Each structure stands twice: as structure tokens, then as C-alpha cells.
Amino acid sequence: MRKKAEFPMHLLNSRMNDTNKKYVDEFLDGLKQENKSESSINNYLIAYDRIFRYKENWDIDFEDYTESVYENFAIALLEYEMSDDRINFITSSISILAEYMRNRYPDKFGRYFLKDLERLDGEEKKNIPSRALTQIELNLVKELIKREGLEKLEYIFTVLYYKDIKKLDFEIFNPQNAVFKEKCFKLNGKMQEFTEEIEKALMKVKGKKITWRMILYHFKIVALYLHKEGFYEKGKPFTFDDIKKTRDKYFIKCPCCGSTVENIADNWVLVQYDFSGQKILTCKNCKGVVSNENI
């Protein structure tokens, strides 16, 4: 039987900051007045203790929390292989506290404070088919992954978008499998060379562990962002198949070397052969030079 993952206590400060402790104490006192069970109150207390003692977010008062602040915490839990049920309970706990504060202090917290957290841990709607991103949506995602704190999302998207792989193939691209001296990934006798795009993203997550559960959580961040920006069908999740269809839509096979290259101007050149007055489009890597052919 697999050992139950333990909470990474070394990631926590010795106590909550004073402002957040005040909010938690007030909320839990309210639960006691409602005669909630002692075990239920204790479970909430443990959840809030973990959230508000997390070192990276410790000095952020709850009224200044954003979805990305909480995502930072949740992703840390995924790295230490906490169960989905545990993470979902903590997410639910912070959503309930946020709702209490919105009602109690509307001027301070605002009507939309942390409302989107409910969508982060909600079930994906399986009846919405996958599809390729539109060009605007793709540009939005490319902008999103460059944000500070989303380096793992940048790496995940870069690998899946620039490499035509199956889901299980991502395992070899785990940053922990990188052999930098040889510029490749190695796992169980298999090897994948670095590409230029992947190497740039890899340097930002060097030595980190990325599991498929973490990938799915990062997909939810993308879907939430696209929904916020007014794109993507309501309730549609962002999936592996979406990335695959997006790659199929925006990558073109070079007629000379056969490489599949993204259809952006920097990747292509016009080449004129001696025997023709016409120019053809080829990738910048081969520039139309193939075996037994001369420009």
C-alpha cells in the first residue's frame, strides 16, 4: 500500500500573521455559535493553519489574496503528492471563508473576492468537446505562461505544444530527467534531445518535479484565465487534446526537409531556386537545402 503523503511542514511559518489569525478566529467563533461539531471546526482550523502559515504567502493579508496566491499554495501541495480530496477540502475551506468575509465586510473584500476558486476545484464538464485554440486565445495563453510564478505552466505548455507527443510520453520530459551536459532527457533507455524552445523553459524549472496531476491543475489555471478574458465556452476545461489540436492547426510541414514548424514569420523564409523564377516557403532551419538539391 502506498504511504499516505504527509503535509510538508517545513514550508510553513511558526504561526499565522496577526491579521489572518483575526479573520480565522472570528469565522471559527461563528461556527461555534452555530453549534457546528468540534471535529468539523477542527478540520477547518487545520486547513486555515496550513494556508495562512505557508511561508511564501505568509505576509499577505487575506483581503489581498488573489486566485494566483492560492494557486501558488495548491501547486506546492501537488508537488508533495497531497491527495486530490485533501487539496479540494482546503480549497473549499478557503472559498467558505471568502464567502463569509464578502458578506461580513463587503467594503473591504468586494462581491467577487475569490469567487473563482470554486471553478478551480470543480469537476470538468466531460460533454464539451476539445478544440483548437483560436489565434487570439493562443496569444493569450502565450502571454499568461510568461508571468512570474507560472514557470511550470510555461514548461508544461512548451513541451506539449512544441513536441508532438502522447500523454504518457511527458514522463521523459520531467525536468528531473534532464541531462544538461548532453542536452537531452533520458529515462529507461529512452532519449529526447532538447529543442531550443524547451531548453529555455527548462532552465526556469531546473530540477523540479512535474507530475500529471500537476499538469491537470495547471490546465485549470489556463481555462480560468481564458474564461476571465471572455474567451472559451462557459465551463469548458482546457485539456491535452486542446493543445494537440492547436498544434495540428498552427504547425506546418516544411516541403523541403519535412520538419513540422509553427506558422510564425520568424520560422520561415522565401527561397528561389535557379531553375525557377518563383519563390517557395521553407523553414529557416533548412532554407530549402535538401540532399541532392541545390539552390
Protein backbone atom coordinates (compact mmCIF):
# COMPACT_ATOMS: atom_id res chain seq x y z
CA MET A 1 0.00 0.00 0.00
CA ARG A 2 1.27 3.46 -0.94
CA LYS A 3 2.30 5.59 2.03
CA LYS A 4 -0.04 8.49 2.66
CA ALA A 5 1.56 11.81 1.72
CA GLU A 6 2.36 14.00 4.72
CA PHE A 7 1.91 17.73 4.74
CA PRO A 8 5.26 19.47 4.04
CA MET A 9 5.59 21.19 7.43
CA HIS A 10 8.94 22.75 6.50
CA LEU A 11 7.03 25.01 4.10
CA LEU A 12 5.15 26.61 6.98
CA ASN A 13 5.95 29.55 9.24
CA SER A 14 5.67 29.10 13.00
CA ARG A 15 2.33 30.96 13.19
CA MET A 16 -0.26 32.84 11.12
CA ASN A 17 0.21 36.56 10.71
CA ASP A 18 -1.93 38.58 13.11
CA THR A 19 -4.43 39.87 10.54
CA ASN A 20 -5.22 36.45 9.12
CA LYS A 21 -5.45 34.88 12.58
CA LYS A 22 -8.06 37.50 13.50
CA TYR A 23 -10.16 36.56 10.45
CA VAL A 24 -9.87 32.83 11.14
CA ASP A 25 -10.71 33.19 14.84
CA GLU A 26 -13.77 35.29 14.02
CA PHE A 27 -15.04 32.75 11.47
CA LEU A 28 -14.47 29.76 13.76
CA ASP A 29 -16.18 31.55 16.66
CA GLY A 30 -19.19 31.98 14.38
CA LEU A 31 -19.20 28.25 13.67
CA LYS A 32 -19.17 27.51 17.41
CA GLN A 33 -22.17 29.80 17.90
CA GLU A 34 -23.95 27.82 15.18
CA ASN A 35 -23.22 24.65 17.20
CA LYS A 36 -21.09 23.09 14.47
CA SER A 37 -19.38 19.88 15.54
CA GLU A 38 -15.99 20.06 17.18
CA SER A 39 -14.47 17.78 14.53
CA SER A 40 -15.77 19.99 11.70
CA ILE A 41 -14.38 23.13 13.32
CA ASN A 42 -11.05 21.41 13.91
CA ASN A 43 -10.83 20.36 10.26
CA TYR A 44 -11.37 23.96 9.18
CA LEU A 45 -8.76 25.14 11.66
CA ILE A 46 -6.18 22.72 10.26
CA ALA A 47 -6.94 23.84 6.70
CA TYR A 48 -6.57 27.54 7.56
CA ASP A 49 -3.46 26.84 9.60
CA ARG A 50 -1.82 25.31 6.52
CA ILE A 51 -2.93 28.06 4.16
CA PHE A 52 -2.01 31.05 6.29
CA ARG A 53 1.26 29.67 7.65
CA TYR A 54 2.59 28.92 4.15
CA LYS A 55 5.87 30.82 4.05
CA GLU A 56 5.66 32.22 0.53
CA ASN A 57 2.26 33.81 1.21
CA TRP A 58 2.65 34.39 4.95
CA ASP A 59 2.89 38.18 4.85
CA ILE A 60 -0.12 38.61 2.54
CA ASP A 61 -3.25 39.63 4.43
CA PHE A 62 -6.36 37.71 3.42
CA GLU A 63 -8.10 40.77 1.95
CA ASP A 64 -5.20 40.98 -0.54
CA TYR A 65 -5.42 37.33 -1.59
CA THR A 66 -5.98 36.55 -5.28
CA GLU A 67 -6.62 33.28 -7.08
CA SER A 68 -2.94 33.17 -8.07
CA VAL A 69 -1.85 33.47 -4.42
CA TYR A 70 -3.89 30.40 -3.54
CA GLU A 71 -2.74 28.56 -6.69
CA ASN A 72 0.84 29.05 -5.51
CA PHE A 73 -0.04 27.18 -2.32
CA ALA A 74 -2.08 24.44 -4.02
CA ILE A 75 0.66 23.69 -6.54
CA ALA A 76 3.12 23.27 -3.68
CA LEU A 77 0.79 20.62 -2.22
CA LEU A 78 0.70 18.82 -5.57
CA GLU A 79 4.48 18.75 -5.65
CA TYR A 80 4.42 16.84 -2.37
CA GLU A 81 1.72 14.49 -3.72
CA MET A 82 -1.08 15.51 -1.39
CA SER A 83 -4.34 13.78 -2.32
CA ASP A 84 -6.96 15.41 -4.52
CA ASP A 85 -9.51 15.07 -1.70
CA ARG A 86 -7.27 16.93 0.75
CA ILE A 87 -6.49 19.73 -1.69
CA ASN A 88 -10.15 20.06 -2.62
CA PHE A 89 -11.15 20.29 1.05
CA ILE A 90 -8.62 23.06 1.65
CA THR A 91 -9.86 24.85 -1.48
CA SER A 92 -13.44 24.52 -0.27
CA SER A 93 -12.44 25.83 3.16
CA ILE A 94 -10.83 28.96 1.75
CA SER A 95 -13.88 29.53 -0.50
CA ILE A 96 -16.21 29.31 2.51
CA LEU A 97 -14.05 31.75 4.48
CA ALA A 98 -14.01 34.12 1.50
CA GLU A 99 -17.80 33.98 1.25
CA TYR A 100 -18.10 34.78 4.96
CA MET A 101 -15.81 37.80 4.58
CA ARG A 102 -17.64 39.05 1.48
CA ASN A 103 -20.87 39.07 3.45
CA ARG A 104 -19.37 40.40 6.69
CA TYR A 105 -17.07 43.06 5.24
CA PRO A 106 -18.33 43.89 1.71
CA ASP A 107 -16.45 47.18 1.51
CA LYS A 108 -13.13 45.51 2.26
CA PHE A 109 -13.45 42.24 0.36
CA GLY A 110 -15.80 43.03 -2.52
CA ARG A 111 -18.55 40.92 -4.06
CA TYR A 112 -16.24 38.89 -6.34
CA PHE A 113 -13.46 38.17 -3.83
CA LEU A 114 -12.02 34.68 -4.57
CA LYS A 115 -15.24 33.51 -6.21
CA ASP A 116 -13.31 31.81 -8.99
CA LEU A 117 -11.71 29.33 -6.58
CA GLU A 118 -14.91 27.31 -6.80
CA ARG A 119 -14.24 26.82 -10.50
CA LEU A 120 -10.68 25.74 -9.87
CA ASP A 121 -11.66 22.67 -7.90
CA GLY A 122 -14.94 21.92 -9.68
CA GLU A 123 -15.42 18.87 -11.85
CA GLU A 124 -14.66 19.23 -15.53
CA LYS A 125 -17.61 19.00 -17.92
CA LYS A 126 -16.93 15.93 -19.99
CA ASN A 127 -19.59 16.68 -22.61
CA ILE A 128 -17.76 19.72 -24.04
CA PRO A 129 -15.57 18.56 -26.96
CA SER A 130 -11.94 19.56 -27.29
CA ARG A 131 -10.97 22.08 -29.96
CA ALA A 132 -8.02 24.08 -31.18
CA LEU A 133 -7.43 27.49 -29.64
CA THR A 134 -8.21 30.47 -31.83
CA GLN A 135 -5.26 32.70 -32.67
CA ILE A 136 -6.34 35.25 -30.04
CA GLU A 137 -6.73 32.53 -27.39
CA LEU A 138 -3.32 31.09 -28.27
CA ASN A 139 -1.72 34.52 -27.92
CA LEU A 140 -3.41 34.98 -24.53
CA VAL A 141 -2.03 31.65 -23.31
CA LYS A 142 1.46 32.54 -24.54
CA GLU A 143 1.23 35.79 -22.58
CA LEU A 144 -0.10 34.03 -19.47
CA ILE A 145 2.73 31.49 -19.26
CA LYS A 146 5.33 34.27 -19.18
CA ARG A 147 4.01 35.61 -15.89
CA GLU A 148 6.16 35.35 -12.78
CA GLY A 149 5.24 32.31 -10.72
CA LEU A 150 3.92 30.30 -13.66
CA GLU A 151 7.23 28.83 -14.79
CA LYS A 152 5.92 25.26 -14.50
CA LEU A 153 2.91 26.12 -16.62
CA GLU A 154 5.25 27.66 -19.19
CA TYR A 155 7.31 24.47 -19.28
CA ILE A 156 4.28 22.17 -19.49
CA PHE A 157 2.71 24.13 -22.33
CA THR A 158 6.03 24.46 -24.17
CA VAL A 159 6.66 20.70 -24.13
CA LEU A 160 3.12 19.76 -25.17
CA TYR A 161 2.82 22.48 -27.81
CA TYR A 162 6.22 22.18 -29.47
CA LYS A 163 6.57 18.39 -29.25
CA ASP A 164 4.05 16.04 -30.88
CA ILE A 165 3.81 13.54 -28.03
CA LYS A 166 1.26 11.31 -26.32
CA LYS A 167 0.22 11.89 -22.70
CA LEU A 168 2.42 9.13 -21.32
CA ASP A 169 5.41 10.47 -23.25
CA PHE A 170 5.57 13.52 -20.98
CA GLU A 171 7.23 11.37 -18.33
CA ILE A 172 10.59 11.52 -20.08
CA PHE A 173 10.34 15.33 -20.23
CA ASN A 174 10.11 15.61 -16.45
CA PRO A 175 12.78 18.23 -15.63
CA GLN A 176 14.41 15.75 -13.24
CA ASN A 177 15.29 13.58 -16.26
CA ALA A 178 17.30 16.33 -17.97
CA VAL A 179 20.98 15.64 -18.67
CA PHE A 180 22.28 19.14 -19.33
CA LYS A 181 25.79 18.13 -20.39
CA GLU A 182 24.31 16.07 -23.22
CA LYS A 183 21.37 18.45 -23.86
CA CYS A 184 18.84 15.68 -23.67
CA PHE A 185 16.34 13.86 -21.43
CA LYS A 186 16.99 10.24 -20.50
CA LEU A 187 14.64 7.70 -18.93
CA ASN A 188 14.59 3.90 -19.03
CA GLY A 189 16.91 3.72 -22.01
CA LYS A 190 14.96 6.31 -23.99
CA MET A 191 16.32 9.71 -25.02
CA GLN A 192 14.85 13.01 -26.23
CA GLU A 193 17.09 15.89 -27.31
CA PHE A 194 16.44 19.43 -26.09
CA THR A 195 14.78 21.75 -28.57
CA GLU A 196 15.52 25.46 -28.42
CA GLU A 197 12.08 26.32 -27.02
CA ILE A 198 12.09 23.54 -24.42
CA GLU A 199 15.62 24.31 -23.22
CA LYS A 200 14.69 27.95 -22.49
CA ALA A 201 11.64 26.91 -20.46
CA LEU A 202 13.54 24.05 -18.80
CA MET A 203 16.13 26.40 -17.28
CA LYS A 204 13.34 28.02 -15.22
CA VAL A 205 12.23 24.71 -13.65
CA LYS A 206 15.61 23.00 -13.43
CA GLY A 207 15.48 20.02 -11.06
CA LYS A 208 11.76 20.41 -10.32
CA LYS A 209 9.28 17.54 -10.38
CA ILE A 210 6.18 17.73 -12.58
CA THR A 211 3.53 15.01 -12.33
CA TRP A 212 0.45 14.51 -14.50
CA ARG A 213 -1.77 15.64 -11.60
CA MET A 214 0.15 18.91 -11.55
CA ILE A 215 -0.34 19.25 -15.31
CA LEU A 216 -4.11 18.87 -14.91
CA TYR A 217 -4.14 21.53 -12.21
CA HIS A 218 -2.19 23.92 -14.44
CA PHE A 219 -4.69 23.24 -17.22
CA LYS A 220 -7.38 24.57 -14.87
CA ILE A 221 -5.37 27.78 -14.46
CA VAL A 222 -5.39 28.23 -18.24
CA ALA A 223 -9.14 27.58 -18.51
CA LEU A 224 -9.88 30.02 -15.69
CA TYR A 225 -7.76 32.71 -17.33
CA LEU A 226 -9.44 32.29 -20.73
CA HIS A 227 -12.87 32.46 -19.10
CA LYS A 228 -11.88 35.65 -17.28
CA GLU A 229 -10.75 37.23 -20.53
CA GLY A 230 -14.11 36.48 -22.13
CA PHE A 231 -12.93 33.61 -24.32
CA TYR A 232 -13.63 29.86 -24.32
CA GLU A 233 -17.07 28.37 -23.87
CA LYS A 234 -18.52 28.69 -20.36
CA GLY A 235 -17.46 25.73 -18.24
CA LYS A 236 -15.12 24.30 -20.89
CA PRO A 237 -11.95 22.78 -19.43
CA PHE A 238 -8.53 23.17 -21.04
CA THR A 239 -7.20 19.75 -21.98
CA PHE A 240 -4.32 17.84 -23.51
CA ASP A 241 -6.44 17.29 -26.62
CA ASP A 242 -6.96 21.06 -26.94
CA ILE A 243 -3.19 21.55 -27.11
CA LYS A 244 -2.80 18.72 -29.60
CA LYS A 245 -5.48 20.17 -31.89
CA THR A 246 -3.95 23.63 -31.54
CA ARG A 247 -0.58 22.26 -32.58
CA ASP A 248 -2.16 20.50 -35.58
CA LYS A 249 -3.78 23.78 -36.60
CA TYR A 250 -0.76 26.08 -36.35
CA PHE A 251 2.17 23.83 -37.30
CA ILE A 252 3.08 23.33 -40.97
CA LYS A 253 5.24 20.66 -42.59
CA CYS A 254 8.21 22.09 -44.46
CA PRO A 255 8.08 20.92 -48.11
CA CYS A 256 11.86 20.51 -48.26
CA CYS A 257 13.09 18.90 -45.05
CA GLY A 258 9.80 17.56 -43.73
CA SER A 259 10.08 19.25 -40.33
CA THR A 260 6.87 20.41 -38.67
CA VAL A 261 7.25 24.07 -37.72
CA GLU A 262 4.95 26.68 -36.17
CA ASN A 263 3.44 29.07 -38.69
CA ILE A 264 5.01 32.29 -37.44
CA ALA A 265 7.05 34.52 -39.76
CA ASP A 266 10.35 34.09 -37.89
CA ASN A 267 10.32 30.35 -38.63
CA TRP A 268 10.03 30.61 -42.42
CA VAL A 269 11.96 32.06 -45.37
CA LEU A 270 11.29 32.53 -49.07
CA VAL A 271 13.67 30.64 -51.34
CA GLN A 272 14.13 30.92 -55.10
CA TYR A 273 15.71 28.02 -56.97
CA ASP A 274 17.97 28.65 -60.01
CA PHE A 275 15.61 26.90 -62.39
CA SER A 276 12.51 28.84 -61.40
CA GLY A 277 11.52 32.48 -61.10
CA GLN A 278 9.10 31.62 -58.30
CA LYS A 279 9.87 31.65 -54.60
CA ILE A 280 8.73 28.93 -52.25
CA LEU A 281 8.21 28.98 -48.48
CA THR A 282 10.61 26.78 -46.47
CA CYS A 283 11.56 26.59 -42.80
CA LYS A 284 14.52 28.69 -41.70
CA ASN A 285 16.39 25.60 -40.49
CA CYS A 286 16.88 24.04 -43.92
CA LYS A 287 16.30 27.15 -46.07
CA GLY A 288 15.32 24.87 -48.91
CA VAL A 289 18.61 22.95 -48.91
CA VAL A 290 17.96 19.20 -49.05
CA SER A 291 20.03 16.28 -50.21
CA ASN A 292 20.70 16.18 -53.98
CA GLU A 293 19.20 19.65 -54.45
CA ASN A 294 20.95 22.98 -54.90
CA ILE A 295 19.58 26.48 -54.55
